[in-house]
Amino acid sequence: MVELVDEFSLFSDSEKNYYSAAAHKALDYLGVKNDSLTIVLSDDINLQKLNNQFSGDNYPTDVLSFTANEPDPITAQNYLGDIIISYERAAIQAANADIPLSKEIITLIIHGILHLCGHDHANKKDHQKMFALQATIIENLTDELR
């Protein structure tokens, strides 16, 4: 189950359903079944506060992931964790890359899911591996979600 929270009601129901579907398809691609997560569409102010609180970096970032990997007390499903995305960062990055905002948000969702599933980019080798997997998933999702 993917719960999507739009903190500022910026996205239509169809957009939120599209993002949730992308997250489900990414989890399927990774072989993650019956796990749940939450995606929060937030803003730079919140991401800066969280980035400072949890990593000591006092600036906004595009996406943060908080891994839980514990049973959800209500559903008993494994709860992977939370992904928090700054729609402001996503919009800037989409404009700079000349891509639709929806593609950038999906990219950030996939990036967050990979972190929740244990992938990281702390060194060059892991960075290359994670971003190659991210690109593969996005390519497959883009074909499926058309």
C-alpha atoms as a PDB file:
ATOM      1  CA  MET A   1       0.000   0.000   0.000  1.00  0.00           C
ATOM      2  CA  VAL A   2       1.237   3.461  -0.879  1.00  0.00           C
ATOM      3  CA  GLU A   3      -0.183   6.381   1.042  1.00  0.00           C
ATOM      4  CA  LEU A   4       0.380   9.710  -0.677  1.00  0.00           C
ATOM      5  CA  VAL A   5       0.036  12.901   1.375  1.00  0.00           C
ATOM      6  CA  ASP A   6      -0.182  16.215  -0.482  1.00  0.00           C
ATOM      7  CA  GLU A   7       0.484  18.713   2.328  1.00  0.00           C
ATOM      8  CA  PHE A   8      -0.588  21.752   0.311  1.00  0.00           C
ATOM      9  CA  SER A   9      -3.284  20.244  -1.945  1.00  0.00           C
ATOM     10  CA  LEU A  10      -1.280  21.144  -5.030  1.00  0.00           C
ATOM     11  CA  PHE A  11      -1.990  18.034  -7.054  1.00  0.00           C
ATOM     12  CA  SER A  12      -5.218  16.679  -8.518  1.00  0.00           C
ATOM     13  CA  ASP A  13      -6.538  13.265  -7.547  1.00  0.00           C
ATOM     14  CA  SER A  14      -5.481  11.919 -10.948  1.00  0.00           C
ATOM     15  CA  GLU A  15      -1.919  13.203 -10.422  1.00  0.00           C
ATOM     16  CA  LYS A  16      -1.767  11.647  -6.958  1.00  0.00           C
ATOM     17  CA  ASN A  17      -3.099   8.359  -8.342  1.00  0.00           C
ATOM     18  CA  TYR A  18      -0.440   8.512 -11.087  1.00  0.00           C
ATOM     19  CA  TYR A  19       2.341   8.964  -8.510  1.00  0.00           C
ATOM     20  CA  SER A  20       0.951   6.165  -6.328  1.00  0.00           C
ATOM     21  CA  ALA A  21       0.733   3.870  -9.351  1.00  0.00           C
ATOM     22  CA  ALA A  22       4.352   4.675 -10.215  1.00  0.00           C
ATOM     23  CA  ALA A  23       5.427   3.798  -6.669  1.00  0.00           C
ATOM     24  CA  HIS A  24       3.501   0.494  -6.803  1.00  0.00           C
ATOM     25  CA  LYS A  25       5.057  -0.394 -10.162  1.00  0.00           C
ATOM     26  CA  ALA A  26       8.552   0.445  -8.848  1.00  0.00           C
ATOM     27  CA  LEU A  27       7.994  -1.788  -5.818  1.00  0.00           C
ATOM     28  CA  ASP A  28       6.791  -4.565  -8.129  1.00  0.00           C
ATOM     29  CA  TYR A  29       9.871  -4.120 -10.313  1.00  0.00           C
ATOM     30  CA  LEU A  30      12.060  -4.489  -7.214  1.00  0.00           C
ATOM     31  CA  GLY A  31      10.156  -7.582  -6.100  1.00  0.00           C
ATOM     32  CA  VAL A  32       8.797  -5.872  -2.987  1.00  0.00           C
ATOM     33  CA  LYS A  33       5.375  -7.336  -2.256  1.00  0.00           C
ATOM     34  CA  ASN A  34       2.862  -6.532   0.463  1.00  0.00           C
ATOM     35  CA  ASP A  35       4.941  -3.734   1.962  1.00  0.00           C
ATOM     36  CA  SER A  36       3.637  -0.235   2.555  1.00  0.00           C
ATOM     37  CA  LEU A  37       5.141   3.244   2.558  1.00  0.00           C
ATOM     38  CA  THR A  38       4.144   6.873   2.762  1.00  0.00           C
ATOM     39  CA  ILE A  39       5.070   9.570   0.259  1.00  0.00           C
ATOM     40  CA  VAL A  40       4.683  13.160   1.432  1.00  0.00           C
ATOM     41  CA  LEU A  41       4.665  15.991  -1.102  1.00  0.00           C
ATOM     42  CA  SER A  42       5.947  18.925   0.927  1.00  0.00           C
ATOM     43  CA  ASP A  43       7.950  22.133   0.458  1.00  0.00           C
ATOM     44  CA  ASP A  44      11.460  23.539   0.841  1.00  0.00           C
ATOM     45  CA  ILE A  45      10.817  24.858   4.349  1.00  0.00           C
ATOM     46  CA  ASN A  46       9.882  21.431   5.696  1.00  0.00           C
ATOM     47  CA  LEU A  47      12.664  19.639   3.809  1.00  0.00           C
ATOM     48  CA  GLN A  48      15.230  22.141   5.105  1.00  0.00           C
ATOM     49  CA  LYS A  49      14.055  21.593   8.700  1.00  0.00           C
ATOM     50  CA  LEU A  50      14.183  17.808   8.315  1.00  0.00           C
ATOM     51  CA  ASN A  51      17.515  17.896   6.477  1.00  0.00           C
ATOM     52  CA  ASN A  52      19.006  20.010   9.272  1.00  0.00           C
ATOM     53  CA  GLN A  53      17.470  17.880  12.034  1.00  0.00           C
ATOM     54  CA  PHE A  54      18.535  14.501  10.647  1.00  0.00           C
ATOM     55  CA  SER A  55      21.718  15.198   8.672  1.00  0.00           C
ATOM     56  CA  GLY A  56      22.947  18.534  10.010  1.00  0.00           C
ATOM     57  CA  ASP A  57      22.646  20.127   6.550  1.00  0.00           C
ATOM     58  CA  ASN A  58      20.780  23.418   6.925  1.00  0.00           C
ATOM     59  CA  TYR A  59      19.437  23.742   3.379  1.00  0.00           C
ATOM     60  CA  PRO A  60      16.469  22.354   1.491  1.00  0.00           C
ATOM     61  CA  THR A  61      16.898  19.133  -0.435  1.00  0.00           C
ATOM     62  CA  ASP A  62      14.741  17.440  -3.043  1.00  0.00           C
ATOM     63  CA  VAL A  63      13.979  14.155  -1.289  1.00  0.00           C
ATOM     64  CA  LEU A  64      14.531  12.506   2.077  1.00  0.00           C
ATOM     65  CA  SER A  65      13.854   8.903   2.999  1.00  0.00           C
ATOM     66  CA  PHE A  66      13.273   7.558   6.485  1.00  0.00           C
ATOM     67  CA  THR A  67      13.499   3.784   6.677  1.00  0.00           C
ATOM     68  CA  ALA A  68      11.289   1.973   9.174  1.00  0.00           C
ATOM     69  CA  ASN A  69      11.167  -1.701   8.066  1.00  0.00           C
ATOM     70  CA  GLU A  70       8.809  -2.672  10.858  1.00  0.00           C
ATOM     71  CA  PRO A  71       5.284  -4.080  11.023  1.00  0.00           C
ATOM     72  CA  ASP A  72       2.503  -1.544  10.619  1.00  0.00           C
ATOM     73  CA  PRO A  73       0.501  -1.763  13.881  1.00  0.00           C
ATOM     74  CA  ILE A  74      -2.823  -1.524  12.011  1.00  0.00           C
ATOM     75  CA  THR A  75      -2.273  -3.669   8.899  1.00  0.00           C
ATOM     76  CA  ALA A  76       0.621  -5.876  10.074  1.00  0.00           C
ATOM     77  CA  GLN A  77       2.232  -5.243   6.672  1.00  0.00           C
ATOM     78  CA  ASN A  78       5.916  -4.420   6.663  1.00  0.00           C
ATOM     79  CA  TYR A  79       6.145  -0.630   6.722  1.00  0.00           C
ATOM     80  CA  LEU A  80       9.150   0.384   4.593  1.00  0.00           C
ATOM     81  CA  GLY A  81       9.149   4.008   5.731  1.00  0.00           C
ATOM     82  CA  ASP A  82       8.533   7.556   4.563  1.00  0.00           C
ATOM     83  CA  ILE A  83       9.632   9.517   1.513  1.00  0.00           C
ATOM     84  CA  ILE A  84       9.344  13.296   1.757  1.00  0.00           C
ATOM     85  CA  ILE A  85       9.642  15.313  -1.461  1.00  0.00           C
ATOM     86  CA  SER A  86       9.935  19.064  -1.909  1.00  0.00           C
ATOM     87  CA  TYR A  87       7.640  20.009  -4.775  1.00  0.00           C
ATOM     88  CA  GLU A  88       9.545  23.330  -5.009  1.00  0.00           C
ATOM     89  CA  ARG A  89      12.905  21.551  -5.521  1.00  0.00           C
ATOM     90  CA  ALA A  90      11.228  19.150  -7.960  1.00  0.00           C
ATOM     91  CA  ALA A  91       9.810  22.058  -9.973  1.00  0.00           C
ATOM     92  CA  ILE A  92      13.199  23.811 -10.146  1.00  0.00           C
ATOM     93  CA  GLN A  93      14.995  20.606 -11.123  1.00  0.00           C
ATOM     94  CA  ALA A  94      12.361  19.779 -13.751  1.00  0.00           C
ATOM     95  CA  ALA A  95      12.664  23.255 -15.262  1.00  0.00           C
ATOM     96  CA  ASN A  96      16.476  23.050 -15.271  1.00  0.00           C
ATOM     97  CA  ALA A  97      16.373  19.621 -16.956  1.00  0.00           C
ATOM     98  CA  ASP A  98      13.569  20.699 -19.318  1.00  0.00           C
ATOM     99  CA  ILE A  99      11.377  17.756 -18.307  1.00  0.00           C
ATOM    100  CA  PRO A 100       7.799  17.607 -17.008  1.00  0.00           C
ATOM    101  CA  LEU A 101       7.343  18.080 -13.265  1.00  0.00           C
ATOM    102  CA  SER A 102       5.604  14.684 -13.121  1.00  0.00           C
ATOM    103  CA  LYS A 103       8.729  12.931 -14.426  1.00  0.00           C
ATOM    104  CA  GLU A 104      10.911  14.646 -11.820  1.00  0.00           C
ATOM    105  CA  ILE A 105       8.527  13.723  -9.011  1.00  0.00           C
ATOM    106  CA  ILE A 106       8.490  10.102 -10.188  1.00  0.00           C
ATOM    107  CA  THR A 107      12.300  10.165 -10.297  1.00  0.00           C
ATOM    108  CA  LEU A 108      12.380  11.371  -6.689  1.00  0.00           C
ATOM    109  CA  ILE A 109       9.808   8.753  -5.644  1.00  0.00           C
ATOM    110  CA  ILE A 110      11.937   6.004  -7.219  1.00  0.00           C
ATOM    111  CA  HIS A 111      15.069   7.424  -5.588  1.00  0.00           C
ATOM    112  CA  GLY A 112      13.354   7.373  -2.207  1.00  0.00           C
ATOM    113  CA  ILE A 113      12.058   3.835  -2.709  1.00  0.00           C
ATOM    114  CA  LEU A 114      15.559   2.641  -3.558  1.00  0.00           C
ATOM    115  CA  HIS A 115      16.834   4.139  -0.298  1.00  0.00           C
ATOM    116  CA  LEU A 116      14.001   2.470   1.648  1.00  0.00           C
ATOM    117  CA  CYS A 117      15.021  -0.827   0.036  1.00  0.00           C
ATOM    118  CA  GLY A 118      18.613  -0.461   1.226  1.00  0.00           C
ATOM    119  CA  HIS A 119      20.332   1.154  -1.752  1.00  0.00           C
ATOM    120  CA  ASP A 120      22.710   4.041  -1.209  1.00  0.00           C
ATOM    121  CA  HIS A 121      25.075   6.302  -3.102  1.00  0.00           C
ATOM    122  CA  ALA A 122      27.688   7.032  -0.448  1.00  0.00           C
ATOM    123  CA  ASN A 123      30.592   5.977  -2.675  1.00  0.00           C
ATOM    124  CA  LYS A 124      31.249   6.012  -6.415  1.00  0.00           C
ATOM    125  CA  LYS A 125      30.525   2.315  -6.994  1.00  0.00           C
ATOM    126  CA  ASP A 126      27.231   2.387  -5.066  1.00  0.00           C
ATOM    127  CA  HIS A 127      26.305   5.700  -6.728  1.00  0.00           C
ATOM    128  CA  GLN A 128      26.741   4.218 -10.205  1.00  0.00           C
ATOM    129  CA  LYS A 129      24.819   1.065  -9.281  1.00  0.00           C
ATOM    130  CA  MET A 130      21.927   2.925  -7.627  1.00  0.00           C
ATOM    131  CA  PHE A 131      21.522   5.522 -10.368  1.00  0.00           C
ATOM    132  CA  ALA A 132      21.703   2.861 -13.100  1.00  0.00           C
ATOM    133  CA  LEU A 133      18.933   0.918 -11.346  1.00  0.00           C
ATOM    134  CA  GLN A 134      16.955   4.132 -10.888  1.00  0.00           C
ATOM    135  CA  ALA A 135      17.252   4.914 -14.615  1.00  0.00           C
ATOM    136  CA  THR A 136      16.173   1.386 -15.552  1.00  0.00           C
ATOM    137  CA  ILE A 137      13.112   1.542 -13.314  1.00  0.00           C
ATOM    138  CA  ILE A 138      12.140   4.988 -14.618  1.00  0.00           C
ATOM    139  CA  GLU A 139      12.508   3.811 -18.204  1.00  0.00           C
ATOM    140  CA  ASN A 140      10.304   0.782 -17.540  1.00  0.00           C
ATOM    141  CA  LEU A 141       7.734   2.853 -15.651  1.00  0.00           C
ATOM    142  CA  THR A 142       7.578   5.523 -18.315  1.00  0.00           C
ATOM    143  CA  ASP A 143       6.624   2.859 -20.866  1.00  0.00           C
ATOM    144  CA  GLU A 144       4.034   1.290 -18.542  1.00  0.00           C
ATOM    145  CA  LEU A 145       2.429   4.534 -17.343  1.00  0.00           C
ATOM    146  CA  ARG A 146       1.801   6.023 -20.787  1.00  0.00           C
END
